[in-house]
């Protein structure tokens, strides 16, 4: 059992109080922004007020998770401002408590907090996000067009003016579906015919089926070298089946990755999301160290407004640095691991320069 000293309990109490305060501010701002977004989305629909309100609360935990590194950054900055205003930093130093000990205490706690966030909070937020998307899809025009990937291949439900079409493809090879079976029903779900094609070009919404075999009744077969089929799907739309992977838990992401591999579908997006999750505790650790080193290297008499402005500036820079490398990684211009971990290494390298002489501050 770990026994914390009095000063450790005091520092951690103030740190977590700041985390709660900053999180609350972000919650309020997120709530306001979400209200505007949902009002715009439902502006042309006659619905009860409780639906947009429910959607807002379902989406807020995911928002807090996305912003949590910056919540930690600001919380530590305000912690040091508060300690300095009460002259408590000097008291700590006079009692042989070094800056390095403070850094180790807060760094270790943010790392453990990061593990808690990905094991518990992330999965909780993902479940709520999934329900958010599921409810919102009921109010979109595309709800009748469904697609999913399972261990049994790619499945699509499509619909046009006269037919309902169920598509199953065993594998995906770039912009081609392989070993495709299309079952066509009328609007009353009465069977019409089955079309089999070994290869379907899905570059556009007008699909090109090659070497087609059509079964429209008992012992009624038609053969065609090539036919075209008008659909509501193309490669781009299918490629964005799970465009918001934050709505999937870690276990669902791993299952989705397995399903993608089973049909030769690209796992880049899923791998990137998983690596971002796995790197989260290290992200929080580096952010906390960065905040402590920075606060030990600036004029401690700066106002809270100035500190807030600096914190927001750093948050924006770090966000765009991560986003830039993420885009490069997902476009396969860089190895995926590099795109996720290299920005953290850059930040850690910058931070480590200030750590060398941290006890001299």
Protein backbone atom coordinates (compact mmCIF):
# COMPACT_ATOMS: atom_id res chain seq x y z
CA UNK A 1 0.00 0.00 0.00
CA UNK A 2 1.36 3.42 -1.01
CA UNK A 3 1.37 5.92 1.86
CA UNK A 4 1.37 9.52 0.67
CA UNK A 5 3.08 12.26 2.63
CA UNK A 6 1.12 15.33 3.67
CA UNK A 7 2.60 17.55 0.95
CA UNK A 8 1.85 14.88 -1.67
CA UNK A 9 -1.78 14.67 -0.60
CA UNK A 10 -1.99 18.46 -0.64
CA UNK A 11 -0.52 18.81 -4.14
CA UNK A 12 -2.67 16.02 -5.58
CA UNK A 13 -5.81 17.44 -3.96
CA UNK A 14 -5.19 20.86 -5.53
CA UNK A 15 -4.29 19.27 -8.88
CA UNK A 16 -7.48 17.20 -9.07
CA UNK A 17 -9.54 20.17 -7.93
CA UNK A 18 -8.12 22.11 -10.86
CA UNK A 19 -8.83 19.20 -13.22
CA UNK A 20 -12.48 19.22 -12.11
CA UNK A 21 -12.75 23.01 -12.42
CA UNK A 22 -11.18 23.17 -15.90
CA UNK A 23 -13.23 20.14 -17.02
CA UNK A 24 -16.39 21.89 -15.85
CA UNK A 25 -15.50 25.00 -17.85
CA UNK A 26 -14.91 22.88 -20.96
CA UNK A 27 -18.19 21.06 -20.30
CA UNK A 28 -20.08 24.36 -20.22
CA UNK A 29 -18.38 25.59 -23.39
CA UNK A 30 -18.97 22.22 -25.05
CA UNK A 31 -22.63 22.31 -24.01
CA UNK A 32 -23.10 25.75 -25.54
CA UNK A 33 -21.40 24.76 -28.80
CA UNK A 34 -23.39 21.51 -28.95
CA UNK A 35 -26.67 23.38 -28.44
CA UNK A 36 -25.88 25.53 -31.47
CA UNK A 37 -24.88 22.47 -33.54
CA UNK A 38 -27.97 20.44 -32.67
CA UNK A 39 -30.32 23.39 -33.18
CA UNK A 40 -28.86 23.85 -36.65
CA UNK A 41 -29.19 20.11 -37.40
CA UNK A 42 -32.83 19.91 -36.28
CA UNK A 43 -33.85 23.35 -37.55
CA UNK A 44 -36.11 21.89 -40.27
CA UNK A 45 -37.54 19.04 -38.19
CA UNK A 46 -40.49 19.03 -35.81
CA UNK A 47 -39.20 17.15 -32.77
CA UNK A 48 -39.40 17.33 -29.01
CA UNK A 49 -36.72 19.40 -27.24
CA UNK A 50 -35.55 16.39 -25.20
CA UNK A 51 -33.98 14.68 -28.27
CA UNK A 52 -31.37 17.40 -28.97
CA UNK A 53 -30.76 17.65 -25.22
CA UNK A 54 -30.19 13.89 -24.98
CA UNK A 55 -27.80 14.00 -27.93
CA UNK A 56 -25.80 16.80 -26.31
CA UNK A 57 -25.26 14.83 -23.10
CA UNK A 58 -24.40 11.67 -25.03
CA UNK A 59 -21.66 13.51 -26.93
CA UNK A 60 -20.11 15.52 -24.08
CA UNK A 61 -18.01 12.69 -22.48
CA UNK A 62 -16.31 12.05 -25.83
CA UNK A 63 -15.55 15.76 -26.12
CA UNK A 64 -13.98 15.81 -22.64
CA UNK A 65 -11.82 12.79 -23.54
CA UNK A 66 -10.56 14.53 -26.70
CA UNK A 67 -9.73 17.70 -24.75
CA UNK A 68 -8.35 16.02 -21.63
CA UNK A 69 -4.62 16.51 -22.45
CA UNK A 70 -5.26 20.24 -22.62
CA UNK A 71 -7.33 20.09 -19.43
CA UNK A 72 -4.28 18.58 -17.70
CA UNK A 73 -1.99 21.21 -19.21
CA UNK A 74 -4.12 24.11 -17.94
CA UNK A 75 -4.76 22.43 -14.57
CA UNK A 76 -1.04 22.15 -13.82
CA UNK A 77 -0.40 25.71 -14.99
CA UNK A 78 -3.10 27.06 -12.66
CA UNK A 79 -1.78 24.84 -9.85
CA UNK A 80 1.62 26.52 -10.05
CA UNK A 81 0.06 29.99 -10.28
CA UNK A 82 -1.93 29.26 -7.13
CA UNK A 83 1.06 27.83 -5.27
CA UNK A 84 3.15 30.86 -6.21
CA UNK A 85 0.46 33.35 -5.18
CA UNK A 86 0.37 31.78 -1.69
CA UNK A 87 4.18 31.53 -1.60
CA UNK A 88 3.82 27.78 -1.08
CA UNK A 89 6.47 26.90 -3.66
CA UNK A 90 9.11 28.62 -1.59
CA UNK A 91 7.80 26.86 1.51
CA UNK A 92 8.19 23.51 -0.22
CA UNK A 93 11.73 24.35 -1.33
CA UNK A 94 12.68 25.51 2.18
CA UNK A 95 11.60 22.11 3.43
CA UNK A 96 13.82 20.26 0.91
CA UNK A 97 11.04 19.48 -1.57
CA UNK A 98 12.62 19.80 -5.02
CA UNK A 99 10.95 20.66 -8.30
CA UNK A 100 11.93 17.22 -9.54
CA UNK A 101 9.95 15.57 -6.72
CA UNK A 102 6.89 17.62 -7.66
CA UNK A 103 7.38 16.68 -11.31
CA UNK A 104 7.68 12.97 -10.44
CA UNK A 105 4.54 13.06 -8.27
CA UNK A 106 2.34 14.84 -10.81
CA UNK A 107 3.81 12.98 -13.78
CA UNK A 108 3.19 9.56 -12.26
CA UNK A 109 -0.36 10.51 -11.32
CA UNK A 110 -1.23 11.82 -14.77
CA UNK A 111 0.16 8.60 -16.29
CA UNK A 112 -2.04 6.49 -13.99
CA UNK A 113 -4.94 8.83 -14.73
CA UNK A 114 -4.31 8.25 -18.44
CA UNK A 115 -4.56 4.48 -17.96
CA UNK A 116 -7.86 4.95 -16.12
CA UNK A 117 -9.09 7.20 -18.94
CA UNK A 118 -8.48 4.63 -21.70
CA UNK A 119 -9.70 1.60 -19.74
CA UNK A 120 -12.82 3.11 -18.18
CA UNK A 121 -13.67 6.59 -19.42
CA UNK A 122 -12.85 6.13 -23.10
CA UNK A 123 -14.98 2.99 -23.42
CA UNK A 124 -17.83 4.65 -21.49
CA UNK A 125 -17.62 7.72 -23.78
CA UNK A 126 -17.49 5.46 -26.88
CA UNK A 127 -20.71 3.69 -25.86
CA UNK A 128 -22.47 7.04 -25.43
CA UNK A 129 -21.01 8.31 -28.72
CA UNK A 130 -22.28 5.19 -30.52
CA UNK A 131 -25.78 5.85 -29.19
CA UNK A 132 -25.43 9.51 -30.17
CA UNK A 133 -24.65 8.53 -33.78
CA UNK A 134 -27.32 5.82 -33.80
CA UNK A 135 -30.06 8.22 -32.66
CA UNK A 136 -28.92 11.00 -34.96
CA UNK A 137 -28.87 8.66 -37.97
CA UNK A 138 -32.60 8.15 -37.51
CA UNK A 139 -33.11 11.78 -38.53
CA UNK A 140 -30.90 11.67 -41.64
CA UNK A 141 -31.91 10.90 -45.21
CA UNK A 142 -29.31 8.13 -45.53
CA UNK A 143 -30.70 5.85 -42.82
CA UNK A 144 -32.13 3.39 -45.37
CA UNK A 145 -28.64 2.84 -46.84
CA UNK A 146 -26.69 0.56 -44.52
CA UNK A 147 -23.26 -1.03 -44.71
CA UNK A 148 -21.09 -3.05 -42.37
CA UNK A 149 -18.03 -5.28 -42.36
CA UNK A 150 -18.04 -8.60 -40.49
CA UNK A 151 -15.98 -11.78 -40.50
CA UNK A 152 -18.32 -12.93 -43.30
CA UNK A 153 -17.35 -10.06 -45.59
CA UNK A 154 -18.79 -6.72 -46.61
CA UNK A 155 -22.58 -6.38 -46.32
CA UNK A 156 -24.61 -3.58 -47.87
CA UNK A 157 -28.32 -2.84 -47.86
CA UNK A 158 -29.21 -0.43 -50.67
CA UNK A 159 -32.53 0.91 -51.88
CA UNK A 160 -33.83 2.64 -55.00
CA UNK A 161 -37.28 3.59 -56.29
CA UNK A 162 -38.36 0.03 -57.07
CA UNK A 163 -35.99 -2.39 -55.34
CA UNK A 164 -34.19 -3.28 -52.15
CA UNK A 165 -30.72 -4.73 -52.77
CA UNK A 166 -28.62 -6.81 -50.36
CA UNK A 167 -24.95 -7.07 -51.33
CA UNK A 168 -22.36 -9.45 -49.93
CA UNK A 169 -18.70 -9.36 -51.02
CA UNK A 170 -16.11 -11.79 -49.69
CA UNK A 171 -13.14 -9.42 -50.03
CA UNK A 172 -12.24 -5.88 -51.07
CA UNK A 173 -9.29 -5.21 -53.37
CA UNK A 174 -8.76 -1.46 -53.67
CA UNK A 175 -11.82 -0.25 -55.63
CA UNK A 176 -12.99 -3.74 -56.55
CA UNK A 177 -15.34 -6.05 -54.68
CA UNK A 178 -14.52 -9.75 -55.11
CA UNK A 179 -16.91 -12.72 -55.18
CA UNK A 180 -20.06 -10.60 -54.98
CA UNK A 181 -23.63 -11.82 -54.50
CA UNK A 182 -26.52 -9.38 -54.92
CA UNK A 183 -30.01 -10.36 -53.77
CA UNK A 184 -32.72 -8.12 -55.21
CA UNK A 185 -36.19 -7.76 -53.66
CA UNK A 186 -39.14 -5.53 -54.47
CA UNK A 187 -40.45 -2.92 -52.06
CA UNK A 188 -42.61 -5.54 -50.36
CA UNK A 189 -39.55 -7.76 -49.80
CA UNK A 190 -40.63 -10.27 -52.43
CA UNK A 191 -37.70 -12.07 -54.05
CA UNK A 192 -36.85 -10.92 -57.59
CA UNK A 193 -33.44 -12.32 -58.53
CA UNK A 194 -29.89 -13.08 -57.47
CA UNK A 195 -26.85 -11.73 -59.30
CA UNK A 196 -23.38 -13.21 -58.90
CA UNK A 197 -20.20 -11.53 -60.13
CA UNK A 198 -16.57 -12.44 -59.35
CA UNK A 199 -15.53 -8.79 -59.64
CA UNK A 200 -17.39 -5.47 -59.24
CA UNK A 201 -15.88 -2.04 -59.85
CA UNK A 202 -17.25 0.37 -57.21
CA UNK A 203 -15.26 3.47 -58.18
CA UNK A 204 -18.53 5.32 -58.84
CA UNK A 205 -22.13 4.90 -57.66
CA UNK A 206 -22.80 3.19 -60.99
CA UNK A 207 -21.16 -0.19 -60.37
CA UNK A 208 -19.69 -2.27 -63.20
CA UNK A 209 -20.25 -6.02 -62.75
CA UNK A 210 -18.10 -8.43 -64.79
CA UNK A 211 -18.81 -12.05 -65.86
CA UNK A 212 -22.32 -11.88 -64.45
CA UNK A 213 -24.57 -14.84 -63.67
CA UNK A 214 -28.24 -13.94 -63.03
CA UNK A 215 -30.67 -16.34 -61.35
CA UNK A 216 -34.25 -15.05 -61.63
CA UNK A 217 -36.23 -18.26 -61.05
CA UNK A 218 -36.01 -22.04 -60.93
CA UNK A 219 -33.62 -23.16 -63.70
CA UNK A 220 -33.66 -19.63 -65.16
CA UNK A 221 -30.10 -18.39 -65.65
CA UNK A 222 -28.78 -15.49 -67.66
CA UNK A 223 -25.14 -14.80 -68.40
CA UNK A 224 -23.60 -11.42 -69.31
CA UNK A 225 -20.01 -10.32 -69.73
CA UNK A 226 -20.70 -6.94 -68.15
CA UNK A 227 -23.68 -5.03 -66.68
CA UNK A 228 -24.05 -1.78 -64.76
CA UNK A 229 -26.01 -1.24 -61.56
CA UNK A 230 -27.03 2.15 -60.14
CA UNK A 231 -26.47 2.29 -56.35
CA UNK A 232 -26.12 4.82 -53.57
CA UNK A 233 -22.60 3.62 -52.69
CA UNK A 234 -19.16 4.12 -54.14
CA UNK A 235 -15.66 3.34 -52.90
CA UNK A 236 -15.38 6.60 -50.95
CA UNK A 237 -18.65 6.11 -49.11
CA UNK A 238 -17.84 2.49 -48.25
CA UNK A 239 -14.36 3.56 -47.14
CA UNK A 240 -15.99 5.88 -44.60
CA UNK A 241 -18.17 3.21 -42.99
CA UNK A 242 -16.67 3.99 -39.60
CA UNK A 243 -15.55 7.54 -40.17
CA UNK A 244 -16.03 8.26 -36.45
CA UNK A 245 -14.06 5.49 -34.78
CA UNK A 246 -14.36 7.25 -31.43
CA UNK A 247 -17.81 5.65 -31.19
CA UNK A 248 -16.22 2.20 -30.89
CA UNK A 249 -14.72 0.77 -27.69
CA UNK A 250 -11.22 -0.72 -27.66
CA UNK A 251 -12.67 -4.23 -27.94
CA UNK A 252 -14.91 -3.20 -30.84
CA UNK A 253 -11.96 -1.58 -32.61
CA UNK A 254 -9.91 -4.77 -32.32
CA UNK A 255 -12.83 -6.83 -33.61
CA UNK A 256 -13.32 -4.38 -36.48
CA UNK A 257 -9.62 -4.68 -37.32
CA UNK A 258 -9.94 -8.49 -37.46
CA UNK A 259 -13.02 -8.20 -39.68
CA UNK A 260 -11.23 -5.76 -41.99
CA UNK A 261 -8.29 -8.13 -42.33
CA UNK A 262 -10.60 -11.05 -43.12
CA UNK A 263 -11.80 -9.31 -46.30
CA UNK A 264 -8.45 -7.69 -47.19
CA UNK A 265 -9.76 -4.24 -46.23
CA UNK A 266 -7.37 -1.47 -45.15
CA UNK A 267 -6.91 -1.25 -41.37
CA UNK A 268 -5.02 2.06 -41.43
CA UNK A 269 -7.79 4.10 -39.79
CA UNK A 270 -8.43 1.48 -37.10
CA UNK A 271 -4.71 1.03 -36.37
CA UNK A 272 -4.31 4.80 -36.06
CA UNK A 273 -7.20 5.05 -33.61
CA UNK A 274 -5.84 2.19 -31.50
CA UNK A 275 -2.35 3.69 -31.41
CA UNK A 276 -3.81 7.05 -30.34
CA UNK A 277 -5.57 5.28 -27.47
CA UNK A 278 -2.50 3.29 -26.42
CA UNK A 279 -0.34 6.42 -26.47
CA UNK A 280 -2.80 8.43 -24.35
CA UNK A 281 -1.19 7.83 -20.91
CA UNK A 282 2.22 8.78 -22.34
CA UNK A 283 0.62 11.85 -23.93
CA UNK A 284 -0.72 12.96 -20.54
CA UNK A 285 2.64 12.24 -18.89
CA UNK A 286 4.56 14.36 -21.42
CA UNK A 287 1.95 17.14 -21.25
CA UNK A 288 2.24 17.24 -17.45
CA UNK A 289 6.06 17.34 -17.56
CA UNK A 290 5.90 20.04 -20.24
CA UNK A 291 3.55 22.14 -18.08
CA UNK A 292 5.74 21.82 -14.97
CA UNK A 293 8.96 22.64 -16.82
CA UNK A 294 7.31 25.60 -18.52
CA UNK A 295 5.90 27.00 -15.27
CA UNK A 296 9.33 26.71 -13.67
CA UNK A 297 10.91 28.72 -16.48
CA UNK A 298 8.62 31.73 -16.74
CA UNK A 299 8.02 34.79 -14.63
CA UNK A 300 5.71 33.53 -11.87
CA UNK A 301 4.12 36.97 -11.49
CA UNK A 302 2.17 36.64 -14.71
CA UNK A 303 -1.62 36.93 -14.35
CA UNK A 304 -4.01 34.00 -14.68
CA UNK A 305 -5.35 35.52 -17.91
CA UNK A 306 -1.84 35.51 -19.39
CA UNK A 307 -1.28 31.92 -18.24
CA UNK A 308 -4.63 30.93 -19.77
CA UNK A 309 -3.70 32.57 -23.07
CA UNK A 310 -0.32 30.82 -23.11
CA UNK A 311 -1.96 27.50 -22.25
CA UNK A 312 -4.49 27.85 -25.07
CA UNK A 313 -1.71 28.79 -27.50
CA UNK A 314 0.30 25.68 -26.57
CA UNK A 315 -2.85 23.54 -26.80
CA UNK A 316 -3.54 24.75 -30.34
CA UNK A 317 0.08 24.16 -31.42
CA UNK A 318 0.16 20.65 -29.96
CA UNK A 319 -3.25 19.82 -31.46
CA UNK A 320 -2.23 20.85 -34.97
CA UNK A 321 1.14 19.11 -34.67
CA UNK A 322 -0.64 15.85 -33.79
CA UNK A 323 -3.25 16.39 -36.48
CA UNK A 324 -0.62 17.11 -39.15
CA UNK A 325 1.30 13.91 -38.45
CA UNK A 326 -1.97 11.99 -38.16
CA UNK A 327 -3.06 13.00 -41.66
CA UNK A 328 0.35 12.05 -43.08
CA UNK A 329 0.20 8.68 -41.33
CA UNK A 330 -3.34 7.86 -42.49
CA UNK A 331 -2.33 8.78 -46.04
CA UNK A 332 0.57 6.31 -45.66
CA UNK A 333 3.22 8.97 -46.29
CA UNK A 334 4.76 7.97 -42.97
CA UNK A 335 4.67 4.69 -41.02
CA UNK A 336 1.66 4.72 -38.71
CA UNK A 337 3.70 4.30 -35.53
CA UNK A 338 5.86 7.27 -36.51
CA UNK A 339 2.84 9.48 -37.17
CA UNK A 340 1.43 8.78 -33.69
CA UNK A 341 4.55 8.68 -31.53
CA UNK A 342 6.90 11.14 -33.27
CA UNK A 343 4.95 14.29 -32.18
CA UNK A 344 5.14 13.00 -28.59
CA UNK A 345 8.89 12.46 -28.96
CA UNK A 346 9.30 16.00 -30.29
CA UNK A 347 7.38 17.40 -27.32
CA UNK A 348 9.36 15.22 -24.91
CA UNK A 349 12.67 16.31 -26.46
CA UNK A 350 11.75 19.98 -26.07
CA UNK A 351 10.62 19.32 -22.51
CA UNK A 352 13.73 17.35 -21.56
CA UNK A 353 15.92 20.37 -22.30
CA UNK A 354 14.19 22.24 -19.49
CA UNK A 355 14.27 19.22 -17.17
CA UNK A 356 18.06 19.23 -17.00
CA UNK A 357 18.21 22.21 -14.68
CA UNK A 358 14.74 22.08 -13.17
CA UNK A 359 15.99 21.92 -9.57
CA UNK A 360 17.92 25.16 -10.08
CA UNK A 361 14.71 27.15 -10.60
